[in-house]
Amino acid sequence: MVAESAPRTFAVVQVFGERLDARIAAWGLAWDGQAEIVGVDGDLRIGVRSPERACRLLAQPHDVSARLVWLPSGKESR
């Protein structure tokens, strides 16, 4: 029961310029219809409707894009 209801874990990676540099900006947990993200610097904690929304929030207009990277959940191996 616990394993089946566990949230999926993801990172939001910010990419600078034309893929010249990148950093993990935040870690997140996703459930159906909601996600929570925490910035790696400790200065950000946000609840959002989806991990994709977190990505849009962490993308910045001047050459900074954001991408989701999903961690294996363990559910795939069952």
C-alpha atoms as a PDB file:
ATOM      1  CA  MET A   1       0.000   0.000   0.000  1.00  0.00           C
ATOM      2  CA  VAL A   2       2.765   2.439   0.895  1.00  0.00           C
ATOM      3  CA  ALA A   3       4.797   1.715  -2.231  1.00  0.00           C
ATOM      4  CA  GLU A   4       1.749   2.081  -4.489  1.00  0.00           C
ATOM      5  CA  SER A   5       0.784   5.483  -3.059  1.00  0.00           C
ATOM      6  CA  ALA A   6       4.327   6.911  -2.888  1.00  0.00           C
ATOM      7  CA  PRO A   7       4.928  10.133  -4.836  1.00  0.00           C
ATOM      8  CA  ARG A   8       7.247  10.200  -7.838  1.00  0.00           C
ATOM      9  CA  THR A   9      10.510  12.091  -7.354  1.00  0.00           C
ATOM     10  CA  PHE A  10      11.897  14.519  -9.894  1.00  0.00           C
ATOM     11  CA  ALA A  11      14.500  17.235 -10.314  1.00  0.00           C
ATOM     12  CA  VAL A  12      14.091  20.514 -12.137  1.00  0.00           C
ATOM     13  CA  VAL A  13      17.312  21.203 -14.046  1.00  0.00           C
ATOM     14  CA  GLN A  14      18.017  24.705 -15.292  1.00  0.00           C
ATOM     15  CA  VAL A  15      20.007  24.889 -18.541  1.00  0.00           C
ATOM     16  CA  PHE A  16      21.919  28.085 -19.279  1.00  0.00           C
ATOM     17  CA  GLY A  17      22.416  29.344 -22.823  1.00  0.00           C
ATOM     18  CA  GLU A  18      22.797  26.827 -25.601  1.00  0.00           C
ATOM     19  CA  ARG A  19      23.373  23.884 -23.224  1.00  0.00           C
ATOM     20  CA  LEU A  20      26.661  25.349 -22.059  1.00  0.00           C
ATOM     21  CA  ASP A  21      25.972  24.820 -18.377  1.00  0.00           C
ATOM     22  CA  ALA A  22      23.265  23.373 -16.155  1.00  0.00           C
ATOM     23  CA  ARG A  23      22.363  22.973 -12.511  1.00  0.00           C
ATOM     24  CA  ILE A  24      19.785  21.205 -10.395  1.00  0.00           C
ATOM     25  CA  ALA A  25      17.523  24.036  -9.240  1.00  0.00           C
ATOM     26  CA  ALA A  26      14.951  22.072  -7.242  1.00  0.00           C
ATOM     27  CA  TRP A  27      13.792  18.640  -6.142  1.00  0.00           C
ATOM     28  CA  GLY A  28      10.147  17.674  -6.240  1.00  0.00           C
ATOM     29  CA  LEU A  29       7.533  15.119  -5.287  1.00  0.00           C
ATOM     30  CA  ALA A  30       4.537  14.521  -7.548  1.00  0.00           C
ATOM     31  CA  TRP A  31       1.159  12.966  -6.803  1.00  0.00           C
ATOM     32  CA  ASP A  32      -1.958  12.924  -8.968  1.00  0.00           C
ATOM     33  CA  GLY A  33      -2.921  16.551  -9.520  1.00  0.00           C
ATOM     34  CA  GLN A  34      -0.242  18.163  -7.354  1.00  0.00           C
ATOM     35  CA  ALA A  35       3.479  18.556  -6.825  1.00  0.00           C
ATOM     36  CA  GLU A  36       5.747  20.099  -4.219  1.00  0.00           C
ATOM     37  CA  ILE A  37       9.168  21.519  -5.047  1.00  0.00           C
ATOM     38  CA  VAL A  38      12.038  22.592  -2.803  1.00  0.00           C
ATOM     39  CA  GLY A  39      14.916  24.658  -4.135  1.00  0.00           C
ATOM     40  CA  VAL A  40      18.393  23.241  -3.608  1.00  0.00           C
ATOM     41  CA  ASP A  41      19.506  26.555  -2.091  1.00  0.00           C
ATOM     42  CA  GLY A  42      16.772  26.325   0.546  1.00  0.00           C
ATOM     43  CA  ASP A  43      15.157  29.551  -0.609  1.00  0.00           C
ATOM     44  CA  LEU A  44      12.185  28.067  -2.465  1.00  0.00           C
ATOM     45  CA  ARG A  45       9.268  25.873  -1.449  1.00  0.00           C
ATOM     46  CA  ILE A  46       6.194  25.824  -3.689  1.00  0.00           C
ATOM     47  CA  GLY A  47       3.114  23.703  -4.200  1.00  0.00           C
ATOM     48  CA  VAL A  48       2.037  23.498  -7.851  1.00  0.00           C
ATOM     49  CA  ARG A  49      -0.548  21.586  -9.875  1.00  0.00           C
ATOM     50  CA  SER A  50       2.012  19.667 -11.903  1.00  0.00           C
ATOM     51  CA  PRO A  51       5.755  19.108 -12.260  1.00  0.00           C
ATOM     52  CA  GLU A  52       5.536  20.762 -15.681  1.00  0.00           C
ATOM     53  CA  ARG A  53       4.242  23.924 -13.994  1.00  0.00           C
ATOM     54  CA  ALA A  54       7.272  23.868 -11.669  1.00  0.00           C
ATOM     55  CA  CYS A  55       9.463  23.729 -14.762  1.00  0.00           C
ATOM     56  CA  ARG A  56       7.770  26.781 -16.255  1.00  0.00           C
ATOM     57  CA  LEU A  57       8.210  28.692 -12.984  1.00  0.00           C
ATOM     58  CA  LEU A  58      11.932  27.976 -12.877  1.00  0.00           C
ATOM     59  CA  ALA A  59      12.587  28.848 -16.522  1.00  0.00           C
ATOM     60  CA  GLN A  60      13.707  32.430 -16.947  1.00  0.00           C
ATOM     61  CA  PRO A  61      13.340  34.602 -20.010  1.00  0.00           C
ATOM     62  CA  HIS A  62      17.027  35.303 -20.638  1.00  0.00           C
ATOM     63  CA  ASP A  63      18.579  32.084 -21.955  1.00  0.00           C
ATOM     64  CA  VAL A  64      17.560  29.852 -19.031  1.00  0.00           C
ATOM     65  CA  SER A  65      15.341  26.882 -19.770  1.00  0.00           C
ATOM     66  CA  ALA A  66      14.173  24.236 -17.306  1.00  0.00           C
ATOM     67  CA  ARG A  67      13.721  20.502 -17.776  1.00  0.00           C
ATOM     68  CA  LEU A  68      12.179  17.730 -15.700  1.00  0.00           C
ATOM     69  CA  VAL A  69      14.299  14.729 -14.860  1.00  0.00           C
ATOM     70  CA  TRP A  70      12.367  11.836 -13.288  1.00  0.00           C
ATOM     71  CA  LEU A  71      14.092   9.498 -10.864  1.00  0.00           C
ATOM     72  CA  PRO A  72      13.281   5.798 -11.116  1.00  0.00           C
ATOM     73  CA  SER A  73      10.419   5.075  -8.730  1.00  0.00           C
ATOM     74  CA  GLY A  74      10.946   1.369  -8.241  1.00  0.00           C
ATOM     75  CA  LYS A  75       7.414   0.734  -9.544  1.00  0.00           C
ATOM     76  CA  GLU A  76       8.860   0.053 -12.996  1.00  0.00           C
ATOM     77  CA  SER A  77      10.738  -2.990 -11.690  1.00  0.00           C
ATOM     78  CA  ARG A  78       7.607  -4.736 -10.456  1.00  0.00           C
END
